[in-house]
Structure formats: C-alpha cells, structure tokens
Amino acid sequence: MAPTLALLLLCQLALYTAVASKKGCDRPILSDGMNTEGLQRFYSPGDMVALSCKIGYTTFTGSRHIVCTASGEWTKLRFKCSSISCSLPEALDHGDMELMDIQYQSAINYTCHEGYTLQGASTIKCLADGEWSEPHPKCLPVNCGLPPIPKLGKAVYDRVFTGNTTVFGFGVTYQCLNPLVLIGNERGMCLSNGKWTEPPECKFVSCPAPKGIPNGYMTTDAKREHGYKETVRYGCNLDYVLEGPLEIECLKTGDWSEKPTCQASCSVDIKRGRILYRGKKIWIENFTPNKVSHKELVSFYCMNEEKKCGYAVSSQCIDATLKIPECFEEPGKWSYLAYSSYLPSEIKQC
C-alpha cells in the first residue's frame, strides 16, 4: 500500500473514533408545569437548555439550566414548577357557589337564593397572577316599597327601619280601628318579586238576630243584630242533652258559628230481663224512670249456647234511639218468673 494512502486511512479512522465517542441527548423529559415550546429533538454534548414554567405556574426551586453531557445524559434536573393558586373564597351568604378547584383557570359559578339578586359577576376565574378575575359577588335582598295600608287600618312593622324601601322577608301585622274587622291576611310580607302581599280590608261586620234551636232555648231574648265576636249561649229542655258548642259566635263572614242541637233521651224497650246501666245490674221493672240520656250506654245480656254462659252487649242511646242487640232474647212471662236464675244475666259469665 502506498504510504500516502495508508496515512489517509489512519487519519479518517482517528476522526471517526473521536466523533463516535461523543453521544448526543434526546429532548429532555420535563415535569408538569414546565414549558416545552422550542425544545429540539436532539442536542449535542455541551448544549445548554434554559427551562421556564408555563403560564399559571411559578418557579419552585433549583437552577433553570440543564446541560447535555458527553455520555448522552442531561445534568440532574433540579428546577421545579408549582401551580399558581388563588385565595380560598368566603361562603356566599344567601346563595350558593359551584367550585371544583382554586388553581389557575379554575372557575367559580355563583347563584343566589330566592328573594336575593346577585351583585357582581356570576362567574369568576383564577388568573395566572394568583388573583381572581373579578371581586367576589354578593347576594342582596330584593327591595320592596312601603307596605300598603288598608283604609281605617294600620300596619305594625316587625322591626324598625329607615327610608322608603323594605327588603325581602320584611313583614308587618295589620290591625283595624275598632269596631271594624280585618278581612283578609292579618300578616303582610315583602315577596321575592319585589311586591307586597295583598293587604286586607277593614269592614264593619254584624250577624243577624240569632235563632233558637228545637227542644232548647237561648240565654238571651235580645232579637237584634250582633257585632263581630259577640256570643250567644244555648241550653236544652229537660230530658235533652246539648250536642255541640255551648255558645255560638258572630264570625268575620257575618254568619254565626255552627249552632248546637238538643238530643232526646231513650227508653229501654224490653218488658222482661236485666240490664247493666252505669255499672249496676238492674231488673227492667225496677228501672225507673225508664230513661237513658243521649250517648249513654246500656248493656243487654245474651246467651252463648255453646259454652252455656252469658255475656253483655252494649248499645248506645243516639237521639231517642236505643237499638236492642240481635243476640238478646227476651224471656217469656212464665220463664221470667219461675226460672229467672237461669237467665243469661244470672248465670256464669263468659
């Protein structure tokens, strides 16, 4: 081989060995929050890369530079980025907020309860500088004007206030001048639509002269009109029981409240036998006077044929009607006189 050619080959081999001994670096693998824009696919040994954080992230610690070494490895990555967070919002009085996170680009949606309106933005976002895009809103109560006052009446406010406006939930109590009567809502309220509830009216109310009841009487003979809330008492004749209220009242409608009735007493319609009345066993011929007041109970004795024992069945007097139980068998005259000790009322009870 010619000396010149041999020398040329030796030089090329040396150059190849030197180049082959140096390795390049692939694109560096960066952690979340680091900016990857502008990075190359391959770097030569000695190349330096300056790192930075994405928008919404801030430098946490470490040098921001890494270097590609001859071994094809990057120097140790000490640079870190942490996400920017906004301040934790305060609770929204009289409203709700929808919140998932407080980091950069997170959003809060605000809504107010019924009767309140939102003052401020309904949605705010966390910005890259750690501040919210808008001030936190408030929920303010709906305003109403002054409450309407009925003619010849007045409104008593729930609390002291100033100015010519009231707010949602504010209430009043209405009153009428005597002897007028309040017809309608006694209470008024500022509503969520900014209006007041319908006010009542103040009217003079009277009821017609009261009427009597069958088999009873009134405690007054005054055949006149009566004013609102005036009362009349009733009573019943002898042997009748008052059913219902003892007195009636003149109502706002100009009508009387429901009147009572007088209910008649009952007689026990059997000729022979023994009854149980007010806890005592009484032969019917000794039951004098034969009278049971309305709603009182009388028990009749029946026979249990299978067990050969007697038992009592109650019946109630309802306005002159006292039903005899179907199981009761009235004894014949001879049996009643001669064998009274064998009657259901006298034998062993079931």
Foldseek 3Di string as FASTA:
>chain_A
DDPVVVVVVVVVVVVVVVVVQFDKAAFDDDDPQKDPPPTDGIGGFFDKDFIDGDQQKDWDDDHRMWGQHRVRDIDDDPTDIDGAFADDDDAAPQWDWDFDGRTAQTKIAIDGHQQWDKDWDRMWGQGSVRYIPTPDIHTHGAKAFDDDAAVQKDWAWPDDDDDGIDGFFTKTAIGHDPPWDWADDRMKGQGSVRYIDDGTYTHWAKAAFDDAAPQKDKPDPDRGIGGFFDKIAMDGHPQWDKADDRMWGQHPVRYIPDDIHTFHWEFDPDDFAWKAFPNDIGTNVPDPPRTGGAFGKMWGWAADVVVLAIDIDIWGHHRHDTDDDPRHDGDDPVCRVPVVCSDNVNGHHD
